[in-house]
Amino acid sequence: MKMVRVFHYDAFSSKPNKGNPAGVVLDADGLTEKEMQGIALKVGFNETSFPMKSDIADLRIRYFTPGHEMNLCGHATMATIHALKTRGLLDKDELMIETGAGILPIKIHTTADQGIYITMKQAAPQFEAFSGDKGSLASSLGLEIEDLENELPIVYGSTGLWTLLVPVKELHSFKRMKANNKLFPQLLKEMPRASVHPFCLETYDKDADMHARHFSSPFSGTLEDPVTGTASGVMGAYYANYLKDDLEDEVHLLIEQGHEIGKDGRVRVTATQNHDNYDIEITGNAVYVKEFQMEV
């Protein structure tokens, strides 16, 4: 048995116990994959991250839910980079990170009041059609088919992780949502392991552009992700593809999430035209909450 220190950070918020919690294990190089998975299960957050040395980038980050390893995680990246920078373990403001979704650039911005904001480029957006039953999908979220926005498409989207983007007509519907994620694999026939990300254009914050919730795949071992970085990036790509003015080459969005479960946070997304696709960047922050130890 050995003791491992886990640092709890909340991402996409400057207030502890808001935003999205992530575990960060800073001395991960000596851990096996089985040990990392066991730590993530014990921690119980939607993701725990393990930064380590890389032969092809400045840093490698591995991400684990309680159930399995993920290729990429936006909020755990914010937490990891914030932890390394504030603890004096990172002397760069621009770096490349190795992830399961590829090598991605990171930029760190420090504001006048010493607040740290992190910009992360995500993988190139991809979309795939959803051909499942919309009524059954709505029911799996605790909604009626009439609650869904029929003027916009339901599609799978990815900027590193696949999620099903489900447009909803009105903000009040989000309070009624009660997801049964055990039904997702049979409903998402094209991508049974995808998560489900309902969103709408009504918001609580007058400065925000989109509101969302994020319901996890049952394989992840969790039900809901409070504030989702990768899915926010996908929402930016969706907006650029299906909603923006054709004359715009760049879209800047403020995405809100987590209100219904008391974890409200914010993600800034930039979608920049790049030939026939978009470059997607998300910007967010993080705050230290506490440290704890566990046996491995």
C-alpha atoms as a PDB file:
ATOM      1  CA  MET A   1       0.000   0.000   0.000  1.00  0.00           C
ATOM      2  CA  LYS A   2       1.121   3.551  -0.719  1.00  0.00           C
ATOM      3  CA  MET A   3      -0.425   6.930   0.039  1.00  0.00           C
ATOM      4  CA  VAL A   4      -1.429   9.249  -2.776  1.00  0.00           C
ATOM      5  CA  ARG A   5      -2.338  12.939  -2.410  1.00  0.00           C
ATOM      6  CA  VAL A   6      -5.378  14.103  -4.326  1.00  0.00           C
ATOM      7  CA  PHE A   7      -6.058  17.809  -4.837  1.00  0.00           C
ATOM      8  CA  HIS A   8      -9.686  18.858  -5.273  1.00  0.00           C
ATOM      9  CA  TYR A   9     -10.214  21.797  -7.624  1.00  0.00           C
ATOM     10  CA  ASP A  10     -13.469  23.215  -8.939  1.00  0.00           C
ATOM     11  CA  ALA A  11     -13.264  24.259 -12.596  1.00  0.00           C
ATOM     12  CA  PHE A  12     -15.172  26.960 -14.476  1.00  0.00           C
ATOM     13  CA  SER A  13     -15.771  28.883 -11.259  1.00  0.00           C
ATOM     14  CA  SER A  14     -13.867  31.134  -8.873  1.00  0.00           C
ATOM     15  CA  LYS A  15     -16.021  29.966  -5.946  1.00  0.00           C
ATOM     16  CA  PRO A  16     -15.272  26.687  -4.128  1.00  0.00           C
ATOM     17  CA  ASN A  17     -18.059  24.091  -4.397  1.00  0.00           C
ATOM     18  CA  LYS A  18     -19.440  25.670  -7.558  1.00  0.00           C
ATOM     19  CA  GLY A  19     -18.476  24.722 -11.099  1.00  0.00           C
ATOM     20  CA  ASN A  20     -17.207  21.211 -11.786  1.00  0.00           C
ATOM     21  CA  PRO A  21     -15.077  19.265  -9.285  1.00  0.00           C
ATOM     22  CA  ALA A  22     -11.981  17.415 -10.455  1.00  0.00           C
ATOM     23  CA  GLY A  23      -9.370  15.411  -8.620  1.00  0.00           C
ATOM     24  CA  VAL A  24      -5.745  16.095  -9.572  1.00  0.00           C
ATOM     25  CA  VAL A  25      -2.927  13.686  -8.689  1.00  0.00           C
ATOM     26  CA  LEU A  26       0.336  15.548  -9.274  1.00  0.00           C
ATOM     27  CA  ASP A  27       2.812  12.696  -8.686  1.00  0.00           C
ATOM     28  CA  ALA A  28       1.304  10.311 -11.211  1.00  0.00           C
ATOM     29  CA  ASP A  29       4.367   9.035 -13.093  1.00  0.00           C
ATOM     30  CA  GLY A  30       4.821   6.029 -10.814  1.00  0.00           C
ATOM     31  CA  LEU A  31       1.194   4.893 -10.953  1.00  0.00           C
ATOM     32  CA  THR A  32      -0.113   2.028 -13.044  1.00  0.00           C
ATOM     33  CA  GLU A  33      -3.264   2.339 -15.138  1.00  0.00           C
ATOM     34  CA  LYS A  34      -5.073   0.036 -12.700  1.00  0.00           C
ATOM     35  CA  GLU A  35      -4.017   2.238  -9.779  1.00  0.00           C
ATOM     36  CA  MET A  36      -5.178   5.400 -11.557  1.00  0.00           C
ATOM     37  CA  GLN A  37      -8.544   3.815 -12.285  1.00  0.00           C
ATOM     38  CA  GLY A  38      -8.844   2.724  -8.651  1.00  0.00           C
ATOM     39  CA  ILE A  39      -8.043   6.233  -7.418  1.00  0.00           C
ATOM     40  CA  ALA A  40     -10.664   7.757  -9.738  1.00  0.00           C
ATOM     41  CA  LEU A  41     -13.243   5.289  -8.446  1.00  0.00           C
ATOM     42  CA  LYS A  42     -12.460   6.165  -4.819  1.00  0.00           C
ATOM     43  CA  VAL A  43     -12.418   9.912  -5.489  1.00  0.00           C
ATOM     44  CA  GLY A  44     -15.824   9.629  -7.160  1.00  0.00           C
ATOM     45  CA  PHE A  45     -15.698  12.862  -9.183  1.00  0.00           C
ATOM     46  CA  ASN A  46     -16.741  12.813 -12.824  1.00  0.00           C
ATOM     47  CA  GLU A  47     -13.045  12.979 -13.678  1.00  0.00           C
ATOM     48  CA  THR A  48      -9.714  12.682 -11.924  1.00  0.00           C
ATOM     49  CA  SER A  49      -6.624  13.729 -13.864  1.00  0.00           C
ATOM     50  CA  PHE A  50      -3.079  12.436 -13.782  1.00  0.00           C
ATOM     51  CA  PRO A  51      -0.421  14.757 -15.271  1.00  0.00           C
ATOM     52  CA  MET A  52       2.829  13.036 -16.202  1.00  0.00           C
ATOM     53  CA  LYS A  53       5.915  13.331 -18.374  1.00  0.00           C
ATOM     54  CA  SER A  54       5.558  13.199 -22.147  1.00  0.00           C
ATOM     55  CA  ASP A  55       8.038  12.298 -24.879  1.00  0.00           C
ATOM     56  CA  ILE A  56       6.116  14.249 -27.535  1.00  0.00           C
ATOM     57  CA  ALA A  57       4.688  17.273 -25.697  1.00  0.00           C
ATOM     58  CA  ASP A  58       5.363  19.456 -22.661  1.00  0.00           C
ATOM     59  CA  LEU A  59       3.003  17.389 -20.551  1.00  0.00           C
ATOM     60  CA  ARG A  60       0.760  14.342 -20.779  1.00  0.00           C
ATOM     61  CA  ILE A  61      -2.582  14.220 -18.983  1.00  0.00           C
ATOM     62  CA  ARG A  62      -4.631  11.061 -18.475  1.00  0.00           C
ATOM     63  CA  TYR A  63      -8.272  11.358 -17.432  1.00  0.00           C
ATOM     64  CA  PHE A  64     -10.356   8.773 -15.585  1.00  0.00           C
ATOM     65  CA  THR A  65     -14.024   8.660 -14.637  1.00  0.00           C
ATOM     66  CA  PRO A  66     -14.971   6.209 -11.872  1.00  0.00           C
ATOM     67  CA  GLY A  67     -15.696   3.703 -14.661  1.00  0.00           C
ATOM     68  CA  HIS A  68     -13.093   4.128 -17.407  1.00  0.00           C
ATOM     69  CA  GLU A  69     -10.399   6.273 -19.009  1.00  0.00           C
ATOM     70  CA  MET A  70     -11.432   9.252 -21.181  1.00  0.00           C
ATOM     71  CA  ASN A  71      -9.525  10.686 -24.156  1.00  0.00           C
ATOM     72  CA  LEU A  72     -10.067  14.276 -23.034  1.00  0.00           C
ATOM     73  CA  CYS A  73     -11.720  16.298 -20.295  1.00  0.00           C
ATOM     74  CA  GLY A  74     -12.062  20.075 -20.384  1.00  0.00           C
ATOM     75  CA  HIS A  75     -12.730  20.778 -16.728  1.00  0.00           C
ATOM     76  CA  ALA A  76     -10.016  18.408 -15.487  1.00  0.00           C
ATOM     77  CA  THR A  77      -7.556  20.102 -17.862  1.00  0.00           C
ATOM     78  CA  MET A  78      -8.454  23.495 -16.350  1.00  0.00           C
ATOM     79  CA  ALA A  79      -7.965  22.062 -12.854  1.00  0.00           C
ATOM     80  CA  THR A  80      -4.655  20.399 -13.733  1.00  0.00           C
ATOM     81  CA  ILE A  81      -3.074  23.408 -15.416  1.00  0.00           C
ATOM     82  CA  HIS A  82      -4.282  25.722 -12.624  1.00  0.00           C
ATOM     83  CA  ALA A  83      -2.806  23.376 -10.001  1.00  0.00           C
ATOM     84  CA  LEU A  84       0.558  23.111 -11.758  1.00  0.00           C
ATOM     85  CA  LYS A  85       0.813  26.857 -12.389  1.00  0.00           C
ATOM     86  CA  THR A  86      -0.167  28.018  -8.904  1.00  0.00           C
ATOM     87  CA  ARG A  87       2.099  25.451  -7.236  1.00  0.00           C
ATOM     88  CA  GLY A  88       5.145  26.578  -9.194  1.00  0.00           C
ATOM     89  CA  LEU A  89       5.379  23.365 -11.216  1.00  0.00           C
ATOM     90  CA  LEU A  90       4.825  25.006 -14.589  1.00  0.00           C
ATOM     91  CA  ASP A  91       7.079  27.812 -15.818  1.00  0.00           C
ATOM     92  CA  LYS A  92       5.426  28.323 -19.208  1.00  0.00           C
ATOM     93  CA  ASP A  93       2.363  30.278 -20.232  1.00  0.00           C
ATOM     94  CA  GLU A  94       2.082  28.428 -23.537  1.00  0.00           C
ATOM     95  CA  LEU A  95       2.493  24.679 -23.794  1.00  0.00           C
ATOM     96  CA  MET A  96       1.378  21.553 -25.616  1.00  0.00           C
ATOM     97  CA  ILE A  97      -0.401  18.730 -23.807  1.00  0.00           C
ATOM     98  CA  GLU A  98      -0.576  15.118 -24.909  1.00  0.00           C
ATOM     99  CA  THR A  99      -4.064  13.642 -24.563  1.00  0.00           C
ATOM    100  CA  GLY A 100      -5.991  10.703 -25.951  1.00  0.00           C
ATOM    101  CA  ALA A 101      -7.588  13.173 -28.383  1.00  0.00           C
ATOM    102  CA  GLY A 102      -4.213  14.344 -29.718  1.00  0.00           C
ATOM    103  CA  ILE A 103      -1.655  17.013 -28.854  1.00  0.00           C
ATOM    104  CA  LEU A 104      -3.452  20.221 -27.940  1.00  0.00           C
ATOM    105  CA  PRO A 105      -2.175  23.754 -27.222  1.00  0.00           C
ATOM    106  CA  ILE A 106      -2.769  25.522 -23.896  1.00  0.00           C
ATOM    107  CA  LYS A 107      -2.394  29.224 -23.115  1.00  0.00           C
ATOM    108  CA  ILE A 108      -2.377  30.675 -19.592  1.00  0.00           C
ATOM    109  CA  HIS A 109      -3.512  34.263 -18.957  1.00  0.00           C
ATOM    110  CA  THR A 110      -2.969  36.060 -15.643  1.00  0.00           C
ATOM    111  CA  THR A 111      -5.243  39.039 -14.930  1.00  0.00           C
ATOM    112  CA  ALA A 112      -4.369  42.196 -12.977  1.00  0.00           C
ATOM    113  CA  ASP A 113      -5.901  40.713  -9.806  1.00  0.00           C
ATOM    114  CA  GLN A 114      -3.785  37.552 -10.269  1.00  0.00           C
ATOM    115  CA  GLY A 115      -6.696  35.489 -11.510  1.00  0.00           C
ATOM    116  CA  ILE A 116      -5.636  32.702 -13.864  1.00  0.00           C
ATOM    117  CA  TYR A 117      -7.585  31.856 -17.006  1.00  0.00           C
ATOM    118  CA  ILE A 118      -6.693  28.931 -19.229  1.00  0.00           C
ATOM    119  CA  THR A 119      -7.425  28.645 -22.940  1.00  0.00           C
ATOM    120  CA  MET A 120      -7.465  25.169 -24.427  1.00  0.00           C
ATOM    121  CA  LYS A 121      -7.744  24.323 -28.108  1.00  0.00           C
ATOM    122  CA  GLN A 122      -9.862  21.263 -28.745  1.00  0.00           C
ATOM    123  CA  ALA A 123      -9.845  18.711 -31.537  1.00  0.00           C
ATOM    124  CA  ALA A 124     -11.435  19.576 -34.892  1.00  0.00           C
ATOM    125  CA  PRO A 125     -15.247  19.407 -34.666  1.00  0.00           C
ATOM    126  CA  GLN A 126     -17.061  16.391 -36.081  1.00  0.00           C
ATOM    127  CA  PHE A 127     -20.805  15.787 -36.416  1.00  0.00           C
ATOM    128  CA  GLU A 128     -22.801  12.650 -37.141  1.00  0.00           C
ATOM    129  CA  ALA A 129     -26.539  12.238 -37.703  1.00  0.00           C
ATOM    130  CA  PHE A 130     -28.862  10.831 -35.011  1.00  0.00           C
ATOM    131  CA  SER A 131     -31.466   8.472 -36.438  1.00  0.00           C
ATOM    132  CA  GLY A 132     -33.039   7.248 -33.194  1.00  0.00           C
ATOM    133  CA  ASP A 133     -36.526   7.833 -31.839  1.00  0.00           C
ATOM    134  CA  LYS A 134     -36.913  11.415 -30.610  1.00  0.00           C
ATOM    135  CA  GLY A 135     -39.863  10.596 -28.356  1.00  0.00           C
ATOM    136  CA  SER A 136     -37.922   7.877 -26.541  1.00  0.00           C
ATOM    137  CA  LEU A 137     -34.919  10.186 -26.270  1.00  0.00           C
ATOM    138  CA  ALA A 138     -37.058  12.924 -24.714  1.00  0.00           C
ATOM    139  CA  SER A 139     -38.579  10.400 -22.301  1.00  0.00           C
ATOM    140  CA  SER A 140     -35.089   9.252 -21.199  1.00  0.00           C
ATOM    141  CA  LEU A 141     -34.509  12.854 -20.091  1.00  0.00           C
ATOM    142  CA  GLY A 142     -37.852  13.128 -18.261  1.00  0.00           C
ATOM    143  CA  LEU A 143     -39.300  15.315 -21.041  1.00  0.00           C
ATOM    144  CA  GLU A 144     -42.003  15.154 -23.703  1.00  0.00           C
ATOM    145  CA  ILE A 145     -41.206  15.268 -27.397  1.00  0.00           C
ATOM    146  CA  GLU A 146     -42.949  18.665 -27.523  1.00  0.00           C
ATOM    147  CA  ASP A 147     -40.185  20.052 -25.281  1.00  0.00           C
ATOM    148  CA  LEU A 148     -37.594  19.494 -28.017  1.00  0.00           C
ATOM    149  CA  GLU A 149     -36.769  22.231 -30.528  1.00  0.00           C
ATOM    150  CA  ASN A 150     -37.804  20.836 -33.901  1.00  0.00           C
ATOM    151  CA  GLU A 151     -36.248  23.690 -35.905  1.00  0.00           C
ATOM    152  CA  LEU A 152     -32.726  22.525 -35.026  1.00  0.00           C
ATOM    153  CA  PRO A 153     -31.126  19.096 -35.601  1.00  0.00           C
ATOM    154  CA  ILE A 154     -30.284  16.525 -32.948  1.00  0.00           C
ATOM    155  CA  VAL A 155     -26.737  15.412 -33.791  1.00  0.00           C
ATOM    156  CA  TYR A 156     -23.732  13.680 -32.301  1.00  0.00           C
ATOM    157  CA  GLY A 157     -20.839  16.109 -31.958  1.00  0.00           C
ATOM    158  CA  SER A 158     -17.216  15.810 -30.912  1.00  0.00           C
ATOM    159  CA  THR A 159     -14.247  18.075 -30.288  1.00  0.00           C
ATOM    160  CA  GLY A 160     -12.457  15.177 -28.610  1.00  0.00           C
ATOM    161  CA  LEU A 161     -15.380  13.286 -27.033  1.00  0.00           C
ATOM    162  CA  TRP A 162     -18.706  12.307 -28.573  1.00  0.00           C
ATOM    163  CA  THR A 163     -21.923  13.642 -27.080  1.00  0.00           C
ATOM    164  CA  LEU A 164     -25.478  13.859 -28.417  1.00  0.00           C
ATOM    165  CA  LEU A 165     -26.565  17.502 -28.737  1.00  0.00           C
ATOM    166  CA  VAL A 166     -30.299  17.851 -28.034  1.00  0.00           C
ATOM    167  CA  PRO A 167     -31.848  21.305 -28.626  1.00  0.00           C
ATOM    168  CA  VAL A 168     -34.656  22.148 -26.165  1.00  0.00           C
ATOM    169  CA  LYS A 169     -37.214  24.920 -26.672  1.00  0.00           C
ATOM    170  CA  GLU A 170     -37.433  26.554 -23.234  1.00  0.00           C
ATOM    171  CA  LEU A 171     -35.240  27.044 -20.201  1.00  0.00           C
ATOM    172  CA  HIS A 172     -37.869  25.942 -17.660  1.00  0.00           C
ATOM    173  CA  SER A 173     -37.758  22.412 -19.116  1.00  0.00           C
ATOM    174  CA  PHE A 174     -34.272  21.927 -17.676  1.00  0.00           C
ATOM    175  CA  LYS A 175     -35.592  21.935 -14.111  1.00  0.00           C
ATOM    176  CA  ARG A 176     -37.878  19.020 -15.001  1.00  0.00           C
ATOM    177  CA  MET A 177     -35.124  16.871 -16.453  1.00  0.00           C
ATOM    178  CA  LYS A 178     -34.527  13.579 -14.699  1.00  0.00           C
ATOM    179  CA  ALA A 179     -32.285  11.447 -16.849  1.00  0.00           C
ATOM    180  CA  ASN A 180     -32.338   7.657 -16.948  1.00  0.00           C
ATOM    181  CA  ASN A 181     -28.927   7.143 -18.482  1.00  0.00           C
ATOM    182  CA  LYS A 182     -29.258   3.349 -18.387  1.00  0.00           C
ATOM    183  CA  LEU A 183     -31.460   3.800 -21.461  1.00  0.00           C
ATOM    184  CA  PHE A 184     -28.865   5.747 -23.445  1.00  0.00           C
ATOM    185  CA  PRO A 185     -26.958   2.811 -25.042  1.00  0.00           C
ATOM    186  CA  GLN A 186     -30.097   1.348 -26.617  1.00  0.00           C
ATOM    187  CA  LEU A 187     -31.317   4.775 -27.799  1.00  0.00           C
ATOM    188  CA  LEU A 188     -27.988   5.977 -29.185  1.00  0.00           C
ATOM    189  CA  LYS A 189     -27.617   3.168 -31.691  1.00  0.00           C
ATOM    190  CA  GLU A 190     -24.927   4.895 -33.736  1.00  0.00           C
ATOM    191  CA  MET A 191     -22.786   5.672 -30.651  1.00  0.00           C
ATOM    192  CA  PRO A 192     -23.979   3.666 -27.627  1.00  0.00           C
ATOM    193  CA  ARG A 193     -21.239   5.031 -25.357  1.00  0.00           C
ATOM    194  CA  ALA A 194     -21.972   8.709 -26.031  1.00  0.00           C
ATOM    195  CA  SER A 195     -23.246  11.126 -23.385  1.00  0.00           C
ATOM    196  CA  VAL A 196     -26.337  13.316 -23.876  1.00  0.00           C
ATOM    197  CA  HIS A 197     -26.143  17.113 -23.804  1.00  0.00           C
ATOM    198  CA  PRO A 198     -29.476  19.004 -23.927  1.00  0.00           C
ATOM    199  CA  PHE A 199     -29.163  22.762 -24.490  1.00  0.00           C
ATOM    200  CA  CYS A 200     -31.233  25.839 -25.262  1.00  0.00           C
ATOM    201  CA  LEU A 201     -30.781  29.484 -26.264  1.00  0.00           C
ATOM    202  CA  GLU A 202     -32.616  30.861 -23.205  1.00  0.00           C
ATOM    203  CA  THR A 203     -30.318  31.560 -20.258  1.00  0.00           C
ATOM    204  CA  TYR A 204     -30.389  32.587 -16.595  1.00  0.00           C
ATOM    205  CA  ASP A 205     -27.478  34.982 -17.061  1.00  0.00           C
ATOM    206  CA  LYS A 206     -28.346  37.828 -19.454  1.00  0.00           C
ATOM    207  CA  ASP A 207     -24.718  37.801 -20.653  1.00  0.00           C
ATOM    208  CA  ALA A 208     -24.758  34.092 -21.514  1.00  0.00           C
ATOM    209  CA  ASP A 209     -25.603  32.788 -24.984  1.00  0.00           C
ATOM    210  CA  MET A 210     -26.512  29.148 -24.302  1.00  0.00           C
ATOM    211  CA  HIS A 211     -27.634  27.002 -21.362  1.00  0.00           C
ATOM    212  CA  ALA A 212     -27.050  23.261 -20.977  1.00  0.00           C
ATOM    213  CA  ARG A 213     -27.036  20.152 -18.843  1.00  0.00           C
ATOM    214  CA  HIS A 214     -24.829  17.115 -19.439  1.00  0.00           C
ATOM    215  CA  PHE A 215     -25.866  13.538 -18.678  1.00  0.00           C
ATOM    216  CA  SER A 216     -23.119  10.935 -18.659  1.00  0.00           C
ATOM    217  CA  SER A 217     -22.973   7.588 -20.371  1.00  0.00           C
ATOM    218  CA  PRO A 218     -23.811   4.811 -17.874  1.00  0.00           C
ATOM    219  CA  PHE A 219     -20.371   3.326 -18.566  1.00  0.00           C
ATOM    220  CA  SER A 220     -18.720   6.313 -16.862  1.00  0.00           C
ATOM    221  CA  GLY A 221     -20.074   5.490 -13.397  1.00  0.00           C
ATOM    222  CA  THR A 222     -21.606   8.971 -12.952  1.00  0.00           C
ATOM    223  CA  LEU A 223     -24.944  10.534 -13.905  1.00  0.00           C
ATOM    224  CA  GLU A 224     -24.471  14.264 -14.489  1.00  0.00           C
ATOM    225  CA  ASP A 225     -21.498  16.491 -15.235  1.00  0.00           C
ATOM    226  CA  PRO A 226     -22.013  19.944 -13.663  1.00  0.00           C
ATOM    227  CA  VAL A 227     -20.079  22.164 -16.133  1.00  0.00           C
ATOM    228  CA  THR A 228     -18.658  20.406 -19.183  1.00  0.00           C
ATOM    229  CA  GLY A 229     -15.673  21.836 -21.071  1.00  0.00           C
ATOM    230  CA  THR A 230     -15.553  19.437 -24.017  1.00  0.00           C
ATOM    231  CA  ALA A 231     -19.315  19.579 -24.587  1.00  0.00           C
ATOM    232  CA  SER A 232     -19.231  23.383 -24.363  1.00  0.00           C
ATOM    233  CA  GLY A 233     -16.664  23.324 -27.161  1.00  0.00           C
ATOM    234  CA  VAL A 234     -18.998  21.126 -29.194  1.00  0.00           C
ATOM    235  CA  MET A 235     -21.832  23.594 -28.515  1.00  0.00           C
ATOM    236  CA  GLY A 236     -19.679  26.367 -29.956  1.00  0.00           C
ATOM    237  CA  ALA A 237     -19.087  24.293 -33.070  1.00  0.00           C
ATOM    238  CA  TYR A 238     -22.822  23.502 -33.287  1.00  0.00           C
ATOM    239  CA  TYR A 239     -23.679  27.201 -33.012  1.00  0.00           C
ATOM    240  CA  ALA A 240     -21.159  28.051 -35.730  1.00  0.00           C
ATOM    241  CA  ASN A 241     -22.538  25.333 -38.017  1.00  0.00           C
ATOM    242  CA  TYR A 242     -26.278  25.755 -37.499  1.00  0.00           C
ATOM    243  CA  LEU A 243     -27.011  29.149 -35.924  1.00  0.00           C
ATOM    244  CA  LYS A 244     -24.447  31.821 -36.762  1.00  0.00           C
ATOM    245  CA  ASP A 245     -24.741  34.560 -39.354  1.00  0.00           C
ATOM    246  CA  ASP A 246     -23.085  33.392 -42.580  1.00  0.00           C
ATOM    247  CA  LEU A 247     -20.964  36.541 -42.634  1.00  0.00           C
ATOM    248  CA  GLU A 248     -19.284  35.769 -39.319  1.00  0.00           C
ATOM    249  CA  ASP A 249     -15.842  34.157 -39.429  1.00  0.00           C
ATOM    250  CA  GLU A 250     -15.519  34.006 -35.637  1.00  0.00           C
ATOM    251  CA  VAL A 251     -18.071  33.348 -32.923  1.00  0.00           C
ATOM    252  CA  HIS A 252     -17.615  34.166 -29.222  1.00  0.00           C
ATOM    253  CA  LEU A 253     -20.006  32.503 -26.797  1.00  0.00           C
ATOM    254  CA  LEU A 254     -20.546  32.393 -23.044  1.00  0.00           C
ATOM    255  CA  ILE A 255     -22.009  29.050 -22.010  1.00  0.00           C
ATOM    256  CA  GLU A 256     -23.682  28.522 -18.635  1.00  0.00           C
ATOM    257  CA  GLN A 257     -24.313  25.171 -16.979  1.00  0.00           C
ATOM    258  CA  GLY A 258     -24.948  23.580 -13.582  1.00  0.00           C
ATOM    259  CA  HIS A 259     -27.680  25.845 -12.184  1.00  0.00           C
ATOM    260  CA  GLU A 260     -30.196  23.054 -11.660  1.00  0.00           C
ATOM    261  CA  ILE A 261     -27.831  21.184  -9.339  1.00  0.00           C
ATOM    262  CA  GLY A 262     -26.379  24.204  -7.521  1.00  0.00           C
ATOM    263  CA  LYS A 263     -23.059  24.134  -9.402  1.00  0.00           C
ATOM    264  CA  ASP A 264     -23.460  26.991 -11.864  1.00  0.00           C
ATOM    265  CA  GLY A 265     -20.331  27.777 -13.840  1.00  0.00           C
ATOM    266  CA  ARG A 266     -19.260  29.493 -17.061  1.00  0.00           C
ATOM    267  CA  VAL A 267     -17.244  28.453 -20.105  1.00  0.00           C
ATOM    268  CA  ARG A 268     -16.133  30.861 -22.828  1.00  0.00           C
ATOM    269  CA  VAL A 269     -15.982  29.365 -26.316  1.00  0.00           C
ATOM    270  CA  THR A 270     -14.460  30.745 -29.509  1.00  0.00           C
ATOM    271  CA  ALA A 271     -15.178  29.153 -32.884  1.00  0.00           C
ATOM    272  CA  THR A 272     -12.966  30.472 -35.691  1.00  0.00           C
ATOM    273  CA  GLN A 273     -13.525  29.578 -39.343  1.00  0.00           C
ATOM    274  CA  ASN A 274     -10.719  27.432 -40.732  1.00  0.00           C
ATOM    275  CA  HIS A 275     -11.456  26.580 -44.384  1.00  0.00           C
ATOM    276  CA  ASP A 276     -14.518  24.299 -44.256  1.00  0.00           C
ATOM    277  CA  ASN A 277     -14.329  23.646 -40.497  1.00  0.00           C
ATOM    278  CA  TYR A 278     -13.732  25.558 -37.252  1.00  0.00           C
ATOM    279  CA  ASP A 279     -10.975  25.884 -34.685  1.00  0.00           C
ATOM    280  CA  ILE A 280     -12.533  25.541 -31.244  1.00  0.00           C
ATOM    281  CA  GLU A 281     -11.073  27.032 -28.065  1.00  0.00           C
ATOM    282  CA  ILE A 282     -12.521  27.058 -24.569  1.00  0.00           C
ATOM    283  CA  THR A 283     -11.447  29.388 -21.775  1.00  0.00           C
ATOM    284  CA  GLY A 284     -12.079  28.887 -18.090  1.00  0.00           C
ATOM    285  CA  ASN A 285     -10.652  29.047 -14.602  1.00  0.00           C
ATOM    286  CA  ALA A 286     -10.422  26.916 -11.473  1.00  0.00           C
ATOM    287  CA  VAL A 287     -10.219  27.265  -7.715  1.00  0.00           C
ATOM    288  CA  TYR A 288      -8.506  25.126  -5.091  1.00  0.00           C
ATOM    289  CA  VAL A 289     -10.854  23.473  -2.591  1.00  0.00           C
ATOM    290  CA  LYS A 290      -8.927  20.975  -0.487  1.00  0.00           C
ATOM    291  CA  GLU A 291      -6.362  18.167  -0.347  1.00  0.00           C
ATOM    292  CA  PHE A 292      -6.883  14.628   0.877  1.00  0.00           C
ATOM    293  CA  GLN A 293      -4.958  11.375   0.924  1.00  0.00           C
ATOM    294  CA  MET A 294      -5.898   7.840   0.036  1.00  0.00           C
ATOM    295  CA  GLU A 295      -4.292   4.413   0.056  1.00  0.00           C
ATOM    296  CA  VAL A 296      -3.514   2.667  -3.230  1.00  0.00           C
END
